[in-house]
Amino acid sequence: MIKYSIAMGIRMVCIVLMLFVQGWWLLVCAIGAIALPYVAVVFANVQGSAVASTVVRPGAVQVSRAPRRGPGNDESGT
């Protein structure tokens, strides 16, 4: 999140500088303001190299069934 915030801060500086610069610097600031959001999202979504580890799996699956309701298991109490 810090890298994304820094990139967006630089983008805001580029946008403000576009009001004051001319020539090639205007083009550089415009490219920075347009390209930085894409670059910031890509960098924010990059994950480090995954360390090989074993997958922890749950134990055996046990099927649990509700008790049958029938004439002998009526919970109404009648």
N, C-alpha and C. Protein backbone atom coordinates (compact mmCIF):
# COMPACT_ATOMS: atom_id res chain seq x y z
N MET A 1 0.82 -1.19 0.00
CA MET A 1 0.00 0.00 0.00
C MET A 1 0.87 1.26 0.00
N ILE A 2 2.04 1.15 0.58
CA ILE A 2 2.93 2.31 0.63
C ILE A 2 3.43 2.64 -0.77
N LYS A 3 3.79 1.61 -1.54
CA LYS A 3 4.26 1.85 -2.90
C LYS A 3 3.18 2.51 -3.75
N TYR A 4 1.94 2.06 -3.57
CA TYR A 4 0.82 2.64 -4.32
C TYR A 4 0.63 4.10 -3.93
N SER A 5 0.69 4.40 -2.65
CA SER A 5 0.51 5.78 -2.18
C SER A 5 1.62 6.68 -2.71
N ILE A 6 2.85 6.19 -2.72
CA ILE A 6 3.96 6.98 -3.26
C ILE A 6 3.75 7.26 -4.74
N ALA A 7 3.34 6.25 -5.50
CA ALA A 7 3.10 6.44 -6.93
C ALA A 7 1.98 7.44 -7.17
N MET A 8 0.93 7.38 -6.38
CA MET A 8 -0.17 8.33 -6.55
C MET A 8 0.24 9.74 -6.15
N GLY A 9 1.13 9.84 -5.18
CA GLY A 9 1.66 11.15 -4.81
C GLY A 9 2.48 11.75 -5.94
N ILE A 10 3.31 10.92 -6.57
CA ILE A 10 4.09 11.39 -7.72
C ILE A 10 3.17 11.78 -8.86
N ARG A 11 2.09 11.03 -9.03
CA ARG A 11 1.13 11.37 -10.09
C ARG A 11 0.50 12.74 -9.84
N MET A 12 0.17 13.02 -8.59
CA MET A 12 -0.41 14.34 -8.27
C MET A 12 0.60 15.45 -8.54
N VAL A 13 1.86 15.20 -8.25
CA VAL A 13 2.90 16.20 -8.54
C VAL A 13 2.99 16.41 -10.05
N CYS A 14 2.91 15.34 -10.82
CA CYS A 14 2.94 15.47 -12.29
C CYS A 14 1.76 16.31 -12.80
N ILE A 15 0.59 16.07 -12.22
CA ILE A 15 -0.60 16.82 -12.67
C ILE A 15 -0.44 18.30 -12.35
N VAL A 16 0.06 18.62 -11.17
CA VAL A 16 0.25 20.03 -10.81
C VAL A 16 1.34 20.67 -11.67
N LEU A 17 2.42 19.93 -11.91
CA LEU A 17 3.50 20.47 -12.73
C LEU A 17 3.06 20.74 -14.16
N MET A 18 2.07 19.99 -14.64
CA MET A 18 1.58 20.22 -16.00
C MET A 18 1.03 21.63 -16.17
N LEU A 19 0.63 22.27 -15.08
CA LEU A 19 0.11 23.64 -15.16
C LEU A 19 1.22 24.67 -15.32
N PHE A 20 2.47 24.30 -14.98
CA PHE A 20 3.54 25.29 -14.93
C PHE A 20 4.68 25.06 -15.92
N VAL A 21 4.79 23.86 -16.50
CA VAL A 21 5.93 23.58 -17.38
C VAL A 21 5.50 23.64 -18.84
N GLN A 22 6.49 23.72 -19.73
CA GLN A 22 6.23 23.79 -21.16
C GLN A 22 7.18 22.85 -21.90
N GLY A 23 6.87 22.59 -23.14
CA GLY A 23 7.76 21.81 -24.00
C GLY A 23 7.78 20.33 -23.61
N TRP A 24 8.99 19.75 -23.66
CA TRP A 24 9.15 18.33 -23.36
C TRP A 24 8.76 17.99 -21.94
N TRP A 25 8.96 18.91 -21.03
CA TRP A 25 8.61 18.63 -19.63
C TRP A 25 7.11 18.42 -19.47
N LEU A 26 6.32 19.13 -20.27
CA LEU A 26 4.88 18.93 -20.24
C LEU A 26 4.53 17.51 -20.69
N LEU A 27 5.20 17.03 -21.72
CA LEU A 27 4.97 15.67 -22.20
C LEU A 27 5.39 14.64 -21.15
N VAL A 28 6.52 14.88 -20.51
CA VAL A 28 6.99 13.95 -19.47
C VAL A 28 5.99 13.89 -18.32
N CYS A 29 5.51 15.03 -17.89
CA CYS A 29 4.54 15.07 -16.79
C CYS A 29 3.22 14.41 -17.20
N ALA A 30 2.80 14.61 -18.44
CA ALA A 30 1.55 14.00 -18.92
C ALA A 30 1.68 12.48 -18.97
N ILE A 31 2.81 12.00 -19.47
CA ILE A 31 3.02 10.55 -19.51
C ILE A 31 3.06 9.99 -18.09
N GLY A 32 3.70 10.69 -17.19
CA GLY A 32 3.73 10.25 -15.79
C GLY A 32 2.35 10.20 -15.17
N ALA A 33 1.54 11.20 -15.45
CA ALA A 33 0.19 11.24 -14.87
C ALA A 33 -0.71 10.16 -15.47
N ILE A 34 -0.45 9.78 -16.71
CA ILE A 34 -1.28 8.77 -17.36
C ILE A 34 -0.79 7.36 -17.04
N ALA A 35 0.52 7.14 -17.02
CA ALA A 35 1.06 5.79 -16.87
C ALA A 35 1.18 5.36 -15.41
N LEU A 36 1.34 6.27 -14.49
CA LEU A 36 1.57 5.90 -13.09
C LEU A 36 0.44 5.10 -12.45
N PRO A 37 -0.83 5.37 -12.73
CA PRO A 37 -1.86 4.53 -12.11
C PRO A 37 -1.74 3.06 -12.50
N TYR A 38 -1.45 2.79 -13.77
CA TYR A 38 -1.28 1.40 -14.21
C TYR A 38 -0.09 0.76 -13.51
N VAL A 39 1.02 1.45 -13.51
CA VAL A 39 2.23 0.92 -12.88
C VAL A 39 2.01 0.70 -11.39
N ALA A 40 1.32 1.64 -10.74
CA ALA A 40 1.09 1.51 -9.30
C ALA A 40 0.23 0.30 -8.98
N VAL A 41 -0.78 0.04 -9.78
CA VAL A 41 -1.65 -1.13 -9.55
C VAL A 41 -0.88 -2.42 -9.78
N VAL A 42 -0.06 -2.45 -10.82
CA VAL A 42 0.73 -3.65 -11.10
C VAL A 42 1.70 -3.92 -9.95
N PHE A 43 2.40 -2.89 -9.49
CA PHE A 43 3.33 -3.07 -8.38
C PHE A 43 2.62 -3.44 -7.09
N ALA A 44 1.43 -2.92 -6.88
CA ALA A 44 0.69 -3.23 -5.65
C ALA A 44 0.22 -4.68 -5.65
N ASN A 45 -0.03 -5.24 -6.82
CA ASN A 45 -0.54 -6.60 -6.90
C ASN A 45 0.55 -7.66 -7.02
N VAL A 46 1.80 -7.25 -7.19
CA VAL A 46 2.89 -8.21 -7.32
C VAL A 46 3.16 -8.82 -5.95
N GLN A 47 3.27 -10.14 -5.94
CA GLN A 47 3.59 -10.84 -4.70
C GLN A 47 5.02 -11.33 -4.78
N GLY A 48 5.64 -11.45 -3.62
CA GLY A 48 7.00 -11.95 -3.57
C GLY A 48 7.04 -13.41 -3.96
N SER A 49 8.23 -13.92 -4.15
CA SER A 49 8.36 -15.33 -4.53
C SER A 49 7.84 -16.20 -3.40
N ALA A 50 7.01 -17.13 -3.76
CA ALA A 50 6.40 -18.02 -2.78
C ALA A 50 7.42 -19.05 -2.31
N VAL A 51 7.50 -19.21 -1.02
CA VAL A 51 8.38 -20.21 -0.44
C VAL A 51 7.66 -21.55 -0.51
N ALA A 52 8.35 -22.55 -1.02
CA ALA A 52 7.73 -23.87 -1.14
C ALA A 52 7.42 -24.41 0.25
N SER A 53 6.18 -24.70 0.48
CA SER A 53 5.78 -25.25 1.77
C SER A 53 4.71 -26.31 1.53
N THR A 54 4.49 -27.09 2.54
CA THR A 54 3.49 -28.14 2.41
C THR A 54 2.11 -27.54 2.63
N VAL A 55 1.17 -28.08 1.93
CA VAL A 55 -0.21 -27.62 2.05
C VAL A 55 -0.85 -28.33 3.23
N VAL A 56 -1.44 -27.56 4.11
CA VAL A 56 -2.11 -28.14 5.26
C VAL A 56 -3.54 -28.48 4.84
N ARG A 57 -3.87 -29.74 4.95
CA ARG A 57 -5.19 -30.19 4.54
C ARG A 57 -5.98 -30.61 5.78
N PRO A 58 -7.28 -30.41 5.73
CA PRO A 58 -8.09 -30.83 6.88
C PRO A 58 -8.14 -32.36 6.96
N GLY A 59 -8.58 -32.85 8.09
CA GLY A 59 -8.68 -34.29 8.29
C GLY A 59 -9.76 -34.90 7.41
N ALA A 60 -10.04 -36.16 7.66
CA ALA A 60 -11.03 -36.87 6.85
C ALA A 60 -12.40 -36.23 7.00
N VAL A 61 -13.16 -36.27 5.95
CA VAL A 61 -14.50 -35.70 5.95
C VAL A 61 -15.44 -36.66 6.66
N GLN A 62 -16.22 -36.15 7.60
CA GLN A 62 -17.19 -36.96 8.31
C GLN A 62 -18.57 -36.43 8.00
N VAL A 63 -19.44 -37.30 7.56
CA VAL A 63 -20.79 -36.91 7.21
C VAL A 63 -21.62 -36.93 8.49
N SER A 64 -22.27 -35.83 8.74
CA SER A 64 -23.12 -35.73 9.93
C SER A 64 -24.56 -35.57 9.45
N ARG A 65 -25.43 -36.43 9.95
CA ARG A 65 -26.83 -36.37 9.54
C ARG A 65 -27.69 -36.02 10.75
N ALA A 66 -28.73 -35.27 10.46
CA ALA A 66 -29.68 -34.94 11.52
C ALA A 66 -30.50 -36.19 11.83
N PRO A 67 -30.96 -36.32 13.06
CA PRO A 67 -31.77 -37.50 13.39
C PRO A 67 -33.07 -37.50 12.59
N ARG A 68 -33.52 -38.69 12.25
CA ARG A 68 -34.74 -38.82 11.46
C ARG A 68 -35.94 -38.39 12.29
N ARG A 69 -36.83 -37.76 11.58
CA ARG A 69 -38.10 -37.41 12.23
C ARG A 69 -39.14 -38.39 11.76
N GLY A 70 -39.73 -39.02 12.65
CA GLY A 70 -40.76 -39.98 12.30
C GLY A 70 -41.80 -40.04 13.40
N PRO A 71 -42.68 -41.01 13.31
CA PRO A 71 -43.73 -41.08 14.33
C PRO A 71 -43.16 -41.34 15.72
N GLY A 72 -42.01 -42.00 15.81
CA GLY A 72 -41.45 -42.29 17.12
C GLY A 72 -40.55 -41.17 17.63
N ASN A 73 -40.10 -40.26 16.75
CA ASN A 73 -39.20 -39.18 17.14
C ASN A 73 -39.86 -37.83 17.03
N ASP A 74 -41.09 -37.74 17.25
CA ASP A 74 -41.84 -36.48 17.14
C ASP A 74 -41.46 -35.59 18.31
N GLU A 75 -41.01 -34.37 18.01
CA GLU A 75 -40.57 -33.46 19.06
C GLU A 75 -41.70 -32.59 19.59
N SER A 76 -42.92 -32.78 19.11
CA SER A 76 -44.03 -31.94 19.56
C SER A 76 -44.48 -32.32 20.97
N GLY A 77 -44.10 -33.49 21.42
CA GLY A 77 -44.45 -33.90 22.76
C GLY A 77 -45.85 -34.44 22.89
N THR A 78 -46.50 -34.71 21.80
CA THR A 78 -47.87 -35.25 21.89
C THR A 78 -47.90 -36.71 21.73
